[in-house]
Protein backbone atom coordinates (compact mmCIF):
# COMPACT_ATOMS: atom_id res chain seq x y z
CA MET A 1 4.26 -15.00 -29.91
CA VAL A 2 7.76 -13.54 -30.01
CA PRO A 3 7.95 -11.97 -26.04
CA VAL A 4 8.55 -8.05 -25.62
CA GLU A 5 9.35 -6.50 -22.23
CA PHE A 6 9.72 -2.85 -21.25
CA GLN A 7 8.84 -0.46 -19.05
CA ALA A 8 5.42 1.27 -19.30
CA LYS A 9 3.56 4.62 -17.38
CA VAL A 10 0.16 3.61 -16.30
CA GLU A 11 -1.76 7.19 -16.91
CA ASN A 12 -5.90 7.40 -16.23
CA GLY A 13 -5.62 3.46 -16.26
CA VAL A 14 -4.13 3.20 -19.73
CA ILE A 15 -0.70 1.58 -20.33
CA VAL A 16 1.49 4.06 -22.26
CA VAL A 17 3.30 1.68 -25.02
CA PRO A 18 7.28 3.72 -25.52
CA GLU A 19 7.47 4.88 -29.10
CA GLU A 20 9.74 2.41 -29.75
CA TYR A 21 7.53 -0.73 -29.72
CA LYS A 22 4.12 1.28 -31.37
CA GLN A 23 4.65 0.30 -34.82
CA SER A 24 5.74 -3.09 -33.95
CA LEU A 25 2.43 -3.53 -31.92
CA ALA A 26 0.22 -1.37 -33.66
CA GLU A 27 0.31 -4.17 -36.11
CA ALA A 28 -0.66 -7.17 -34.37
CA ASN A 29 -4.19 -8.60 -33.91
CA THR A 30 -3.82 -9.98 -30.39
CA VAL A 31 -1.45 -9.36 -27.88
CA LYS A 32 -0.86 -11.19 -24.23
CA VAL A 33 -0.18 -8.60 -21.46
CA THR A 34 1.57 -9.32 -17.81
CA VAL A 35 1.24 -6.56 -15.80
CA LEU A 36 3.89 -6.43 -12.79
CA LYS A 37 3.05 -3.87 -10.53
CA PRO A 38 5.25 -2.51 -7.39
CA VAL A 39 4.90 -3.86 -4.14
CA GLN A 40 3.40 -1.33 -1.53
CA LYS A 41 4.74 -1.17 1.79
CA LYS A 42 1.64 -1.14 4.25
CA THR A 43 2.43 1.30 7.07
CA PRO A 44 2.12 -0.72 10.20
CA ARG A 45 -0.83 -0.43 12.03
CA PRO A 46 0.46 1.28 15.63
CA ASP A 47 0.83 -1.75 18.70
CA ILE A 48 -2.74 -1.65 20.36
CA MET A 49 -1.36 -0.98 24.03
CA ASP A 50 0.67 1.62 22.39
CA GLU A 51 -2.14 3.02 21.25
CA LEU A 52 -4.27 3.42 24.38
CA ALA A 53 -1.01 4.63 26.32
CA GLN A 54 -0.86 7.70 23.85
CA ASN A 55 -4.99 7.96 23.72
CA PRO A 56 -5.87 7.03 27.26
CA VAL A 57 -9.87 6.20 27.10
CA SER A 58 -11.55 7.55 30.26
CA VAL A 59 -14.80 5.85 31.22
CA PRO A 60 -17.20 7.91 33.16
CA GLY A 61 -17.73 6.96 36.64
CA ILE A 62 -14.18 5.16 36.58
CA ARG A 63 -11.16 7.14 38.21
CA SER A 64 -7.88 7.32 36.16
CA ILE A 65 -4.92 6.08 38.28
CA THR A 66 -1.40 6.92 38.19
CA ARG A 67 1.11 4.58 36.99
CA ASP A 68 2.61 4.82 40.78
CA GLU A 69 -0.61 4.12 42.18
CA MET A 70 -0.75 1.05 40.11
CA HIS A 71 2.31 -0.25 41.01
CA GLU A 72 1.89 0.46 44.70
CA ARG A 73 1.42 -2.61 47.20
């Protein structure tokens, strides 16, 4: 096999072969395909403490206290 390398668009799950390679690939009975897709960055999950500070959970029957009350001695 002779390696042929190109970048292609994927449309509805189908790899679109560039025009300049269609003729030579049409004559091939079998090809070997290796796909390298771009790495998508995952959005980091917010820290649970930051999330709770922004969206406190209220529990029925328990009075919430202020930060100052929490640190009183």
